[in-house]
């Protein structure tokens, strides 16, 4: 009897040790996961690709970000810096995607990979002779400084309709902006993926909030002109003073919808980093957050909105037609830190 039990007990002990290891791994903070994943990815690169991926901390490229297509029209080549997916082999791509997973929540990662896949749909809709090159492997990674649990470093993953930027210091994510996600088409209208919506929450919650506004609230919230396009290339969101209706003027139910909308943006990143961003919002005062919108939020109609607090601004636009010319089916959305992106304070 004892002889039979010993192998069983040994196996149970091994499983318990493995379980403890998995719990410890999952409990590791995002900053540590990112440093490990970044070093693992860089370790897969030969010297020529590593030279394209790694930049000095003070390089101007660190705060120069783009979500619009960046290409040389004459040669139809990308002008982005960093290492693109198309230059990586299968093992290197896998290591890069592990870095992306470490920097996003499960939902954020799903949205990011879906955004990338939309390039294939655009290629089908627009054809190979489109003025813009549509390439799902034109997404680039850059690392600034040396990834570690003790020093200051940053990384970026970006391409068409996406820019993910994280600044880390002493193993902590100290800034997770600018964080831009876009989608064209916002809703796939035909084909195998008909009905797919990449970023549904940020439209549905905003529409719910607009529908709930009283006449007085709507008068304060609605803007005569479309809110401006998100300003890429710079660390300053440059949005001016808050406009629209203050959260202090909303009902408790409306405040809950507004908070859910804010969370939908923050929850693109891992829970510990998102909690830090949301704590900054609460500390500055939810009642000081303003909501503004323009246009008609009915599907197929163009509209914009902005959620603007003392420490952050959310910018959203759905004004452009998609690749198949369906009106107002092309989203730009971003979370930006105030007074500046890329900074801890």
C-alpha atoms as a PDB file:
ATOM      1  CA  UNK A   1       0.000   0.000   0.000  1.00  0.00           C
ATOM      2  CA  UNK A   2       2.780   2.427   0.950  1.00  0.00           C
ATOM      3  CA  UNK A   3       4.643   1.580  -2.256  1.00  0.00           C
ATOM      4  CA  UNK A   4       1.589   2.517  -4.297  1.00  0.00           C
ATOM      5  CA  UNK A   5       1.069   5.763  -2.457  1.00  0.00           C
ATOM      6  CA  UNK A   6       4.641   7.043  -2.756  1.00  0.00           C
ATOM      7  CA  UNK A   7       4.600   7.649  -6.553  1.00  0.00           C
ATOM      8  CA  UNK A   8       1.164   9.223  -6.222  1.00  0.00           C
ATOM      9  CA  UNK A   9       2.260  11.549  -3.421  1.00  0.00           C
ATOM     10  CA  UNK A  10       5.408  12.451  -5.353  1.00  0.00           C
ATOM     11  CA  UNK A  11       3.312  13.385  -8.390  1.00  0.00           C
ATOM     12  CA  UNK A  12       1.013  15.511  -6.217  1.00  0.00           C
ATOM     13  CA  UNK A  13       4.030  17.306  -4.778  1.00  0.00           C
ATOM     14  CA  UNK A  14       5.383  18.059  -8.250  1.00  0.00           C
ATOM     15  CA  UNK A  15       2.010  19.448  -9.333  1.00  0.00           C
ATOM     16  CA  UNK A  16       1.886  21.624  -6.232  1.00  0.00           C
ATOM     17  CA  UNK A  17       5.352  23.023  -6.952  1.00  0.00           C
ATOM     18  CA  UNK A  18       4.360  23.707 -10.568  1.00  0.00           C
ATOM     19  CA  UNK A  19       1.172  25.433  -9.422  1.00  0.00           C
ATOM     20  CA  UNK A  20       3.127  27.687  -7.077  1.00  0.00           C
ATOM     21  CA  UNK A  21       5.443  28.573  -9.947  1.00  0.00           C
ATOM     22  CA  UNK A  22       2.537  29.470 -12.210  1.00  0.00           C
ATOM     23  CA  UNK A  23       0.925  31.623  -9.529  1.00  0.00           C
ATOM     24  CA  UNK A  24       4.204  33.443  -9.017  1.00  0.00           C
ATOM     25  CA  UNK A  25       4.558  33.998 -12.730  1.00  0.00           C
ATOM     26  CA  UNK A  26       1.029  35.354 -13.136  1.00  0.00           C
ATOM     27  CA  UNK A  27       1.525  37.594 -10.099  1.00  0.00           C
ATOM     28  CA  UNK A  28       4.626  39.185 -11.604  1.00  0.00           C
ATOM     29  CA  UNK A  29       3.909  42.896 -12.266  1.00  0.00           C
ATOM     30  CA  UNK A  30       3.590  44.172 -15.815  1.00  0.00           C
ATOM     31  CA  UNK A  31       6.886  46.058 -15.619  1.00  0.00           C
ATOM     32  CA  UNK A  32       8.805  42.871 -14.860  1.00  0.00           C
ATOM     33  CA  UNK A  33       6.944  40.904 -17.538  1.00  0.00           C
ATOM     34  CA  UNK A  34       7.733  43.591 -20.108  1.00  0.00           C
ATOM     35  CA  UNK A  35      11.444  43.655 -19.259  1.00  0.00           C
ATOM     36  CA  UNK A  36      11.634  39.871 -19.547  1.00  0.00           C
ATOM     37  CA  UNK A  37       9.674  39.810 -22.809  1.00  0.00           C
ATOM     38  CA  UNK A  38      11.650  42.690 -24.345  1.00  0.00           C
ATOM     39  CA  UNK A  39      14.987  41.073 -23.537  1.00  0.00           C
ATOM     40  CA  UNK A  40      13.754  37.718 -24.827  1.00  0.00           C
ATOM     41  CA  UNK A  41      12.673  39.332 -28.093  1.00  0.00           C
ATOM     42  CA  UNK A  42      15.888  41.310 -28.532  1.00  0.00           C
ATOM     43  CA  UNK A  43      17.829  38.134 -27.838  1.00  0.00           C
ATOM     44  CA  UNK A  44      16.321  36.527 -30.955  1.00  0.00           C
ATOM     45  CA  UNK A  45      17.535  39.279 -33.279  1.00  0.00           C
ATOM     46  CA  UNK A  46      20.714  39.240 -35.344  1.00  0.00           C
ATOM     47  CA  UNK A  47      22.933  42.315 -35.122  1.00  0.00           C
ATOM     48  CA  UNK A  48      21.418  44.112 -38.126  1.00  0.00           C
ATOM     49  CA  UNK A  49      17.834  43.856 -36.881  1.00  0.00           C
ATOM     50  CA  UNK A  50      18.816  44.632 -33.303  1.00  0.00           C
ATOM     51  CA  UNK A  51      20.424  47.845 -34.543  1.00  0.00           C
ATOM     52  CA  UNK A  52      17.093  48.844 -36.095  1.00  0.00           C
ATOM     53  CA  UNK A  53      15.128  47.924 -32.985  1.00  0.00           C
ATOM     54  CA  UNK A  54      17.177  49.530 -30.200  1.00  0.00           C
ATOM     55  CA  UNK A  55      17.527  53.290 -29.678  1.00  0.00           C
ATOM     56  CA  UNK A  56      19.150  55.501 -27.109  1.00  0.00           C
ATOM     57  CA  UNK A  57      16.793  56.757 -24.402  1.00  0.00           C
ATOM     58  CA  UNK A  58      17.290  60.344 -25.574  1.00  0.00           C
ATOM     59  CA  UNK A  59      16.612  59.602 -29.243  1.00  0.00           C
ATOM     60  CA  UNK A  60      13.863  61.930 -30.596  1.00  0.00           C
ATOM     61  CA  UNK A  61      12.176  58.862 -32.077  1.00  0.00           C
ATOM     62  CA  UNK A  62      10.978  57.947 -28.572  1.00  0.00           C
ATOM     63  CA  UNK A  63       8.406  60.751 -28.490  1.00  0.00           C
ATOM     64  CA  UNK A  64       7.686  60.911 -32.224  1.00  0.00           C
ATOM     65  CA  UNK A  65       4.764  58.594 -32.830  1.00  0.00           C
ATOM     66  CA  UNK A  66       2.376  57.995 -35.728  1.00  0.00           C
ATOM     67  CA  UNK A  67      -0.832  56.079 -36.315  1.00  0.00           C
ATOM     68  CA  UNK A  68      -1.369  57.186 -39.920  1.00  0.00           C
ATOM     69  CA  UNK A  69       0.231  55.275 -42.814  1.00  0.00           C
ATOM     70  CA  UNK A  70       3.885  56.244 -43.165  1.00  0.00           C
ATOM     71  CA  UNK A  71       5.218  55.420 -46.615  1.00  0.00           C
ATOM     72  CA  UNK A  72       7.262  56.649 -49.522  1.00  0.00           C
ATOM     73  CA  UNK A  73       4.689  56.900 -52.284  1.00  0.00           C
ATOM     74  CA  UNK A  74       7.264  56.642 -55.063  1.00  0.00           C
ATOM     75  CA  UNK A  75       8.867  53.425 -53.827  1.00  0.00           C
ATOM     76  CA  UNK A  76       5.822  52.134 -51.886  1.00  0.00           C
ATOM     77  CA  UNK A  77       8.040  51.367 -48.902  1.00  0.00           C
ATOM     78  CA  UNK A  78       7.413  52.160 -45.253  1.00  0.00           C
ATOM     79  CA  UNK A  79       9.232  55.095 -43.680  1.00  0.00           C
ATOM     80  CA  UNK A  80       8.611  54.051 -40.056  1.00  0.00           C
ATOM     81  CA  UNK A  81      11.531  53.410 -37.751  1.00  0.00           C
ATOM     82  CA  UNK A  82      11.987  50.188 -35.825  1.00  0.00           C
ATOM     83  CA  UNK A  83      11.787  46.553 -36.914  1.00  0.00           C
ATOM     84  CA  UNK A  84       8.689  45.439 -38.845  1.00  0.00           C
ATOM     85  CA  UNK A  85       6.957  42.112 -38.514  1.00  0.00           C
ATOM     86  CA  UNK A  86       7.736  41.396 -42.161  1.00  0.00           C
ATOM     87  CA  UNK A  87      11.475  41.186 -41.379  1.00  0.00           C
ATOM     88  CA  UNK A  88      11.037  38.584 -38.633  1.00  0.00           C
ATOM     89  CA  UNK A  89      11.072  34.814 -38.837  1.00  0.00           C
ATOM     90  CA  UNK A  90       8.479  32.702 -37.063  1.00  0.00           C
ATOM     91  CA  UNK A  91      10.411  32.464 -33.791  1.00  0.00           C
ATOM     92  CA  UNK A  92      11.164  36.180 -33.712  1.00  0.00           C
ATOM     93  CA  UNK A  93       7.524  37.020 -34.458  1.00  0.00           C
ATOM     94  CA  UNK A  94       6.405  34.795 -31.623  1.00  0.00           C
ATOM     95  CA  UNK A  95       8.806  36.528 -29.224  1.00  0.00           C
ATOM     96  CA  UNK A  96       7.518  39.923 -30.350  1.00  0.00           C
ATOM     97  CA  UNK A  97       3.903  38.888 -29.857  1.00  0.00           C
ATOM     98  CA  UNK A  98       4.796  37.767 -26.336  1.00  0.00           C
ATOM     99  CA  UNK A  99       6.046  41.302 -25.715  1.00  0.00           C
ATOM    100  CA  UNK A 100       2.785  42.686 -27.071  1.00  0.00           C
ATOM    101  CA  UNK A 101       0.798  40.322 -24.832  1.00  0.00           C
ATOM    102  CA  UNK A 102       2.798  41.492 -21.818  1.00  0.00           C
ATOM    103  CA  UNK A 103       1.953  45.116 -22.584  1.00  0.00           C
ATOM    104  CA  UNK A 104      -1.783  44.687 -23.167  1.00  0.00           C
ATOM    105  CA  UNK A 105      -4.749  43.079 -21.445  1.00  0.00           C
ATOM    106  CA  UNK A 106      -6.284  40.001 -23.057  1.00  0.00           C
ATOM    107  CA  UNK A 107      -8.977  42.220 -24.606  1.00  0.00           C
ATOM    108  CA  UNK A 108      -6.410  44.810 -25.665  1.00  0.00           C
ATOM    109  CA  UNK A 109      -4.300  42.143 -27.344  1.00  0.00           C
ATOM    110  CA  UNK A 110      -7.337  40.784 -29.178  1.00  0.00           C
ATOM    111  CA  UNK A 111      -8.227  44.277 -30.374  1.00  0.00           C
ATOM    112  CA  UNK A 112      -4.652  44.992 -31.437  1.00  0.00           C
ATOM    113  CA  UNK A 113      -4.323  41.827 -33.507  1.00  0.00           C
ATOM    114  CA  UNK A 114      -7.740  42.454 -35.040  1.00  0.00           C
ATOM    115  CA  UNK A 115      -6.661  45.971 -36.051  1.00  0.00           C
ATOM    116  CA  UNK A 116      -3.660  44.437 -37.786  1.00  0.00           C
ATOM    117  CA  UNK A 117      -5.871  41.922 -39.602  1.00  0.00           C
ATOM    118  CA  UNK A 118      -8.041  44.742 -40.964  1.00  0.00           C
ATOM    119  CA  UNK A 119      -5.163  45.642 -43.295  1.00  0.00           C
ATOM    120  CA  UNK A 120      -5.973  42.442 -45.164  1.00  0.00           C
ATOM    121  CA  UNK A 121      -9.618  43.454 -45.466  1.00  0.00           C
ATOM    122  CA  UNK A 122      -8.590  46.904 -46.723  1.00  0.00           C
ATOM    123  CA  UNK A 123      -6.367  45.252 -49.332  1.00  0.00           C
ATOM    124  CA  UNK A 124      -9.341  43.237 -50.560  1.00  0.00           C
ATOM    125  CA  UNK A 125     -11.617  46.290 -50.612  1.00  0.00           C
ATOM    126  CA  UNK A 126      -9.188  48.730 -52.214  1.00  0.00           C
ATOM    127  CA  UNK A 127      -7.158  46.400 -54.414  1.00  0.00           C
ATOM    128  CA  UNK A 128      -3.382  46.255 -54.899  1.00  0.00           C
ATOM    129  CA  UNK A 129      -3.372  49.557 -56.833  1.00  0.00           C
ATOM    130  CA  UNK A 130      -4.604  51.558 -53.858  1.00  0.00           C
ATOM    131  CA  UNK A 131      -2.597  54.700 -53.119  1.00  0.00           C
ATOM    132  CA  UNK A 132      -1.868  53.321 -49.651  1.00  0.00           C
ATOM    133  CA  UNK A 133       0.022  50.075 -49.131  1.00  0.00           C
ATOM    134  CA  UNK A 134      -2.026  47.692 -47.006  1.00  0.00           C
ATOM    135  CA  UNK A 135       0.258  45.213 -45.277  1.00  0.00           C
ATOM    136  CA  UNK A 136      -0.643  43.418 -42.022  1.00  0.00           C
ATOM    137  CA  UNK A 137       3.091  42.953 -41.373  1.00  0.00           C
ATOM    138  CA  UNK A 138       3.835  46.695 -41.467  1.00  0.00           C
ATOM    139  CA  UNK A 139       3.790  46.960 -37.678  1.00  0.00           C
ATOM    140  CA  UNK A 140       7.043  48.030 -36.078  1.00  0.00           C
ATOM    141  CA  UNK A 141       8.698  47.643 -32.679  1.00  0.00           C
ATOM    142  CA  UNK A 142      11.247  49.973 -31.074  1.00  0.00           C
ATOM    143  CA  UNK A 143      12.991  49.741 -27.692  1.00  0.00           C
ATOM    144  CA  UNK A 144      14.527  52.779 -26.000  1.00  0.00           C
ATOM    145  CA  UNK A 145      17.275  52.234 -23.463  1.00  0.00           C
ATOM    146  CA  UNK A 146      17.996  48.870 -21.859  1.00  0.00           C
ATOM    147  CA  UNK A 147      15.029  46.838 -20.606  1.00  0.00           C
ATOM    148  CA  UNK A 148      15.514  46.077 -16.918  1.00  0.00           C
ATOM    149  CA  UNK A 149      13.800  46.000 -13.537  1.00  0.00           C
ATOM    150  CA  UNK A 150      15.985  48.832 -12.237  1.00  0.00           C
ATOM    151  CA  UNK A 151      16.501  51.385 -14.990  1.00  0.00           C
ATOM    152  CA  UNK A 152      14.560  53.754 -17.230  1.00  0.00           C
ATOM    153  CA  UNK A 153      13.463  52.382 -20.598  1.00  0.00           C
ATOM    154  CA  UNK A 154      10.529  52.363 -23.019  1.00  0.00           C
ATOM    155  CA  UNK A 155       9.096  50.485 -25.957  1.00  0.00           C
ATOM    156  CA  UNK A 156       6.686  51.115 -28.806  1.00  0.00           C
ATOM    157  CA  UNK A 157       4.641  48.956 -31.160  1.00  0.00           C
ATOM    158  CA  UNK A 158       2.923  50.796 -33.961  1.00  0.00           C
ATOM    159  CA  UNK A 159       1.604  50.788 -37.485  1.00  0.00           C
ATOM    160  CA  UNK A 160      -1.544  51.886 -39.286  1.00  0.00           C
ATOM    161  CA  UNK A 161      -4.268  52.679 -36.719  1.00  0.00           C
ATOM    162  CA  UNK A 162      -2.206  51.652 -33.731  1.00  0.00           C
ATOM    163  CA  UNK A 163       0.457  53.121 -31.472  1.00  0.00           C
ATOM    164  CA  UNK A 164       1.248  51.485 -28.137  1.00  0.00           C
ATOM    165  CA  UNK A 165       3.805  53.311 -25.998  1.00  0.00           C
ATOM    166  CA  UNK A 166       5.036  52.419 -22.531  1.00  0.00           C
ATOM    167  CA  UNK A 167       7.616  54.114 -20.345  1.00  0.00           C
ATOM    168  CA  UNK A 168       9.074  52.151 -17.433  1.00  0.00           C
ATOM    169  CA  UNK A 169      11.226  53.090 -14.468  1.00  0.00           C
ATOM    170  CA  UNK A 170      12.523  50.789 -11.717  1.00  0.00           C
ATOM    171  CA  UNK A 171      10.286  47.977 -12.918  1.00  0.00           C
ATOM    172  CA  UNK A 172       7.098  50.050 -12.942  1.00  0.00           C
ATOM    173  CA  UNK A 173       4.991  51.276 -15.855  1.00  0.00           C
ATOM    174  CA  UNK A 174       5.101  55.026 -15.234  1.00  0.00           C
ATOM    175  CA  UNK A 175       3.340  56.075 -18.443  1.00  0.00           C
ATOM    176  CA  UNK A 176       1.233  54.069 -20.896  1.00  0.00           C
ATOM    177  CA  UNK A 177       0.433  56.786 -23.403  1.00  0.00           C
ATOM    178  CA  UNK A 178      -0.131  57.708 -26.109  1.00  0.00           C
ATOM    179  CA  UNK A 179      -2.310  54.649 -26.647  1.00  0.00           C
ATOM    180  CA  UNK A 180      -4.088  54.817 -29.978  1.00  0.00           C
ATOM    181  CA  UNK A 181      -6.383  52.208 -31.554  1.00  0.00           C
ATOM    182  CA  UNK A 182      -8.261  52.725 -34.814  1.00  0.00           C
ATOM    183  CA  UNK A 183     -10.367  50.572 -37.099  1.00  0.00           C
ATOM    184  CA  UNK A 184     -11.176  50.693 -40.798  1.00  0.00           C
ATOM    185  CA  UNK A 185     -13.761  49.343 -41.262  1.00  0.00           C
ATOM    186  CA  UNK A 186     -15.191  49.934 -37.807  1.00  0.00           C
ATOM    187  CA  UNK A 187     -17.792  47.302 -38.669  1.00  0.00           C
ATOM    188  CA  UNK A 188     -17.089  44.787 -41.405  1.00  0.00           C
ATOM    189  CA  UNK A 189     -20.019  45.012 -43.801  1.00  0.00           C
ATOM    190  CA  UNK A 190     -19.408  41.988 -46.039  1.00  0.00           C
ATOM    191  CA  UNK A 191     -17.397  38.818 -46.465  1.00  0.00           C
ATOM    192  CA  UNK A 192     -16.420  36.086 -44.012  1.00  0.00           C
ATOM    193  CA  UNK A 193     -16.020  38.558 -41.137  1.00  0.00           C
ATOM    194  CA  UNK A 194     -19.278  40.403 -41.732  1.00  0.00           C
ATOM    195  CA  UNK A 195     -20.527  41.950 -38.492  1.00  0.00           C
ATOM    196  CA  UNK A 196     -17.088  42.104 -36.849  1.00  0.00           C
ATOM    197  CA  UNK A 197     -16.651  45.252 -34.738  1.00  0.00           C
ATOM    198  CA  UNK A 198     -13.127  45.766 -33.443  1.00  0.00           C
ATOM    199  CA  UNK A 199     -13.881  48.480 -30.868  1.00  0.00           C
ATOM    200  CA  UNK A 200     -17.608  48.210 -30.049  1.00  0.00           C
ATOM    201  CA  UNK A 201     -17.583  49.360 -26.415  1.00  0.00           C
ATOM    202  CA  UNK A 202     -16.187  52.815 -27.101  1.00  0.00           C
ATOM    203  CA  UNK A 203     -19.032  53.517 -29.539  1.00  0.00           C
ATOM    204  CA  UNK A 204     -21.875  51.812 -27.698  1.00  0.00           C
ATOM    205  CA  UNK A 205     -21.146  53.411 -24.324  1.00  0.00           C
ATOM    206  CA  UNK A 206     -20.743  56.885 -25.842  1.00  0.00           C
ATOM    207  CA  UNK A 207     -24.041  56.478 -27.691  1.00  0.00           C
ATOM    208  CA  UNK A 208     -25.743  55.372 -24.481  1.00  0.00           C
ATOM    209  CA  UNK A 209     -24.427  58.445 -22.694  1.00  0.00           C
ATOM    210  CA  UNK A 210     -25.533  60.819 -25.452  1.00  0.00           C
ATOM    211  CA  UNK A 211     -29.020  59.262 -25.545  1.00  0.00           C
ATOM    212  CA  UNK A 212     -29.356  59.720 -21.783  1.00  0.00           C
ATOM    213  CA  UNK A 213     -28.604  63.455 -21.793  1.00  0.00           C
ATOM    214  CA  UNK A 214     -31.323  65.911 -20.882  1.00  0.00           C
ATOM    215  CA  UNK A 215     -31.902  68.936 -23.078  1.00  0.00           C
ATOM    216  CA  UNK A 216     -29.865  71.085 -20.696  1.00  0.00           C
ATOM    217  CA  UNK A 217     -27.015  68.569 -20.575  1.00  0.00           C
ATOM    218  CA  UNK A 218     -27.058  68.144 -24.341  1.00  0.00           C
ATOM    219  CA  UNK A 219     -26.849  71.909 -24.852  1.00  0.00           C
ATOM    220  CA  UNK A 220     -23.637  71.922 -22.800  1.00  0.00           C
ATOM    221  CA  UNK A 221     -22.184  68.736 -24.309  1.00  0.00           C
ATOM    222  CA  UNK A 222     -22.871  69.137 -28.024  1.00  0.00           C
ATOM    223  CA  UNK A 223     -20.307  71.060 -30.053  1.00  0.00           C
ATOM    224  CA  UNK A 224     -21.129  72.981 -33.211  1.00  0.00           C
ATOM    225  CA  UNK A 225     -18.061  71.661 -35.026  1.00  0.00           C
ATOM    226  CA  UNK A 226     -16.334  68.292 -35.095  1.00  0.00           C
ATOM    227  CA  UNK A 227     -13.632  67.931 -32.473  1.00  0.00           C
ATOM    228  CA  UNK A 228     -10.145  68.009 -34.034  1.00  0.00           C
ATOM    229  CA  UNK A 229      -8.174  65.010 -35.224  1.00  0.00           C
ATOM    230  CA  UNK A 230      -5.801  63.346 -32.750  1.00  0.00           C
ATOM    231  CA  UNK A 231      -2.405  65.025 -32.955  1.00  0.00           C
ATOM    232  CA  UNK A 232       0.265  62.437 -33.635  1.00  0.00           C
ATOM    233  CA  UNK A 233       4.021  63.055 -33.801  1.00  0.00           C
ATOM    234  CA  UNK A 234       4.113  65.001 -30.514  1.00  0.00           C
ATOM    235  CA  UNK A 235       4.002  64.372 -26.767  1.00  0.00           C
ATOM    236  CA  UNK A 236       1.520  67.186 -26.148  1.00  0.00           C
ATOM    237  CA  UNK A 237      -2.124  66.305 -26.885  1.00  0.00           C
ATOM    238  CA  UNK A 238      -2.753  70.045 -27.350  1.00  0.00           C
ATOM    239  CA  UNK A 239      -6.501  69.861 -26.627  1.00  0.00           C
ATOM    240  CA  UNK A 240      -6.912  73.175 -24.823  1.00  0.00           C
ATOM    241  CA  UNK A 241      -9.339  73.626 -21.963  1.00  0.00           C
ATOM    242  CA  UNK A 242     -12.139  71.112 -21.317  1.00  0.00           C
ATOM    243  CA  UNK A 243     -15.391  71.649 -23.181  1.00  0.00           C
ATOM    244  CA  UNK A 244     -18.805  70.014 -22.836  1.00  0.00           C
ATOM    245  CA  UNK A 245     -20.808  68.969 -19.824  1.00  0.00           C
ATOM    246  CA  UNK A 246     -19.025  68.368 -16.518  1.00  0.00           C
ATOM    247  CA  UNK A 247     -19.552  65.014 -14.814  1.00  0.00           C
ATOM    248  CA  UNK A 248     -20.708  66.992 -11.776  1.00  0.00           C
ATOM    249  CA  UNK A 249     -23.812  67.862 -13.819  1.00  0.00           C
ATOM    250  CA  UNK A 250     -24.604  64.216 -14.651  1.00  0.00           C
ATOM    251  CA  UNK A 251     -26.878  61.828 -12.790  1.00  0.00           C
ATOM    252  CA  UNK A 252     -25.360  58.879 -10.943  1.00  0.00           C
ATOM    253  CA  UNK A 253     -26.459  56.541 -13.746  1.00  0.00           C
ATOM    254  CA  UNK A 254     -24.859  58.805 -16.341  1.00  0.00           C
ATOM    255  CA  UNK A 255     -21.664  58.999 -14.291  1.00  0.00           C
ATOM    256  CA  UNK A 256     -21.580  55.200 -14.257  1.00  0.00           C
ATOM    257  CA  UNK A 257     -21.850  55.101 -18.055  1.00  0.00           C
ATOM    258  CA  UNK A 258     -19.103  57.716 -18.334  1.00  0.00           C
ATOM    259  CA  UNK A 259     -16.891  55.710 -15.970  1.00  0.00           C
ATOM    260  CA  UNK A 260     -17.516  52.537 -17.977  1.00  0.00           C
ATOM    261  CA  UNK A 261     -16.453  54.424 -21.095  1.00  0.00           C
ATOM    262  CA  UNK A 262     -13.238  55.576 -19.401  1.00  0.00           C
ATOM    263  CA  UNK A 263     -12.562  52.013 -18.263  1.00  0.00           C
ATOM    264  CA  UNK A 264     -13.058  50.704 -21.798  1.00  0.00           C
ATOM    265  CA  UNK A 265     -10.003  52.725 -22.827  1.00  0.00           C
ATOM    266  CA  UNK A 266      -7.877  52.066 -19.743  1.00  0.00           C
ATOM    267  CA  UNK A 267      -8.598  48.346 -19.859  1.00  0.00           C
ATOM    268  CA  UNK A 268      -6.683  47.996 -23.110  1.00  0.00           C
ATOM    269  CA  UNK A 269      -3.584  47.648 -20.921  1.00  0.00           C
ATOM    270  CA  UNK A 270      -2.873  45.104 -18.127  1.00  0.00           C
ATOM    271  CA  UNK A 271      -4.949  45.400 -14.964  1.00  0.00           C
ATOM    272  CA  UNK A 272      -2.179  46.743 -12.713  1.00  0.00           C
ATOM    273  CA  UNK A 273      -1.204  49.466 -15.186  1.00  0.00           C
ATOM    274  CA  UNK A 274      -4.868  50.269 -15.896  1.00  0.00           C
ATOM    275  CA  UNK A 275      -5.519  50.572 -12.160  1.00  0.00           C
ATOM    276  CA  UNK A 276      -2.759  53.166 -11.895  1.00  0.00           C
ATOM    277  CA  UNK A 277      -4.246  55.233 -14.726  1.00  0.00           C
ATOM    278  CA  UNK A 278      -7.758  55.005 -13.288  1.00  0.00           C
ATOM    279  CA  UNK A 279      -6.500  55.934  -9.820  1.00  0.00           C
ATOM    280  CA  UNK A 280      -5.064  59.132 -11.313  1.00  0.00           C
ATOM    281  CA  UNK A 281      -8.475  59.916 -12.829  1.00  0.00           C
ATOM    282  CA  UNK A 282     -10.249  59.388  -9.486  1.00  0.00           C
ATOM    283  CA  UNK A 283      -7.630  61.260  -7.493  1.00  0.00           C
ATOM    284  CA  UNK A 284      -8.031  64.328  -9.719  1.00  0.00           C
ATOM    285  CA  UNK A 285     -11.812  64.119  -9.347  1.00  0.00           C
ATOM    286  CA  UNK A 286     -14.371  62.443 -11.593  1.00  0.00           C
ATOM    287  CA  UNK A 287     -16.679  65.445 -11.254  1.00  0.00           C
ATOM    288  CA  UNK A 288     -14.022  67.521 -13.027  1.00  0.00           C
ATOM    289  CA  UNK A 289     -14.159  65.302 -16.116  1.00  0.00           C
ATOM    290  CA  UNK A 290     -15.991  66.804 -19.090  1.00  0.00           C
ATOM    291  CA  UNK A 291     -17.819  65.015 -21.909  1.00  0.00           C
ATOM    292  CA  UNK A 292     -18.283  66.681 -25.291  1.00  0.00           C
ATOM    293  CA  UNK A 293     -19.494  65.410 -28.632  1.00  0.00           C
ATOM    294  CA  UNK A 294     -20.397  66.598 -32.112  1.00  0.00           C
ATOM    295  CA  UNK A 295     -22.515  65.286 -34.947  1.00  0.00           C
ATOM    296  CA  UNK A 296     -25.032  62.442 -34.920  1.00  0.00           C
ATOM    297  CA  UNK A 297     -24.190  59.233 -33.038  1.00  0.00           C
ATOM    298  CA  UNK A 298     -26.634  57.181 -35.134  1.00  0.00           C
ATOM    299  CA  UNK A 299     -24.731  54.379 -36.934  1.00  0.00           C
ATOM    300  CA  UNK A 300     -23.692  55.562 -40.377  1.00  0.00           C
ATOM    301  CA  UNK A 301     -23.593  59.211 -39.299  1.00  0.00           C
ATOM    302  CA  UNK A 302     -20.372  61.082 -38.535  1.00  0.00           C
ATOM    303  CA  UNK A 303     -19.578  62.064 -34.968  1.00  0.00           C
ATOM    304  CA  UNK A 304     -16.750  62.795 -32.553  1.00  0.00           C
ATOM    305  CA  UNK A 305     -16.433  62.877 -28.780  1.00  0.00           C
ATOM    306  CA  UNK A 306     -13.952  63.787 -26.096  1.00  0.00           C
ATOM    307  CA  UNK A 307     -13.638  62.813 -22.423  1.00  0.00           C
ATOM    308  CA  UNK A 308     -11.341  65.361 -20.787  1.00  0.00           C
ATOM    309  CA  UNK A 309     -10.146  65.319 -17.192  1.00  0.00           C
ATOM    310  CA  UNK A 310      -7.296  67.018 -15.310  1.00  0.00           C
ATOM    311  CA  UNK A 311      -4.909  64.086 -15.901  1.00  0.00           C
ATOM    312  CA  UNK A 312      -6.041  62.576 -19.209  1.00  0.00           C
ATOM    313  CA  UNK A 313      -7.979  63.052 -22.397  1.00  0.00           C
ATOM    314  CA  UNK A 314      -9.829  60.515 -24.527  1.00  0.00           C
ATOM    315  CA  UNK A 315     -10.278  61.485 -28.167  1.00  0.00           C
ATOM    316  CA  UNK A 316     -12.603  59.729 -30.598  1.00  0.00           C
ATOM    317  CA  UNK A 317     -13.543  60.382 -34.207  1.00  0.00           C
ATOM    318  CA  UNK A 318     -15.751  58.458 -36.610  1.00  0.00           C
ATOM    319  CA  UNK A 319     -16.041  60.792 -39.576  1.00  0.00           C
ATOM    320  CA  UNK A 320     -14.419  59.025 -42.518  1.00  0.00           C
ATOM    321  CA  UNK A 321     -15.829  56.449 -44.909  1.00  0.00           C
ATOM    322  CA  UNK A 322     -14.344  52.965 -44.793  1.00  0.00           C
ATOM    323  CA  UNK A 323     -12.443  51.235 -47.586  1.00  0.00           C
ATOM    324  CA  UNK A 324     -15.721  50.283 -49.278  1.00  0.00           C
ATOM    325  CA  UNK A 325     -17.028  53.889 -49.079  1.00  0.00           C
ATOM    326  CA  UNK A 326     -19.530  53.175 -46.316  1.00  0.00           C
ATOM    327  CA  UNK A 327     -19.963  56.522 -44.520  1.00  0.00           C
ATOM    328  CA  UNK A 328     -18.727  57.078 -40.959  1.00  0.00           C
ATOM    329  CA  UNK A 329     -17.271  53.594 -40.554  1.00  0.00           C
ATOM    330  CA  UNK A 330     -13.655  54.471 -39.786  1.00  0.00           C
ATOM    331  CA  UNK A 331     -12.622  54.999 -36.150  1.00  0.00           C
ATOM    332  CA  UNK A 332      -9.738  56.858 -34.523  1.00  0.00           C
ATOM    333  CA  UNK A 333      -9.519  56.647 -30.719  1.00  0.00           C
ATOM    334  CA  UNK A 334      -6.803  57.467 -28.195  1.00  0.00           C
ATOM    335  CA  UNK A 335      -6.046  57.770 -24.487  1.00  0.00           C
ATOM    336  CA  UNK A 336      -3.496  60.482 -23.745  1.00  0.00           C
ATOM    337  CA  UNK A 337      -1.917  61.650 -20.515  1.00  0.00           C
ATOM    338  CA  UNK A 338      -1.931  65.283 -19.447  1.00  0.00           C
ATOM    339  CA  UNK A 339       0.045  67.465 -19.408  1.00  0.00           C
ATOM    340  CA  UNK A 340       2.233  65.260 -21.641  1.00  0.00           C
ATOM    341  CA  UNK A 341       2.542  61.702 -22.826  1.00  0.00           C
ATOM    342  CA  UNK A 342       5.630  59.598 -22.070  1.00  0.00           C
ATOM    343  CA  UNK A 343       6.024  61.236 -18.654  1.00  0.00           C
ATOM    344  CA  UNK A 344       5.582  59.849 -15.144  1.00  0.00           C
ATOM    345  CA  UNK A 345       4.060  63.019 -13.699  1.00  0.00           C
END
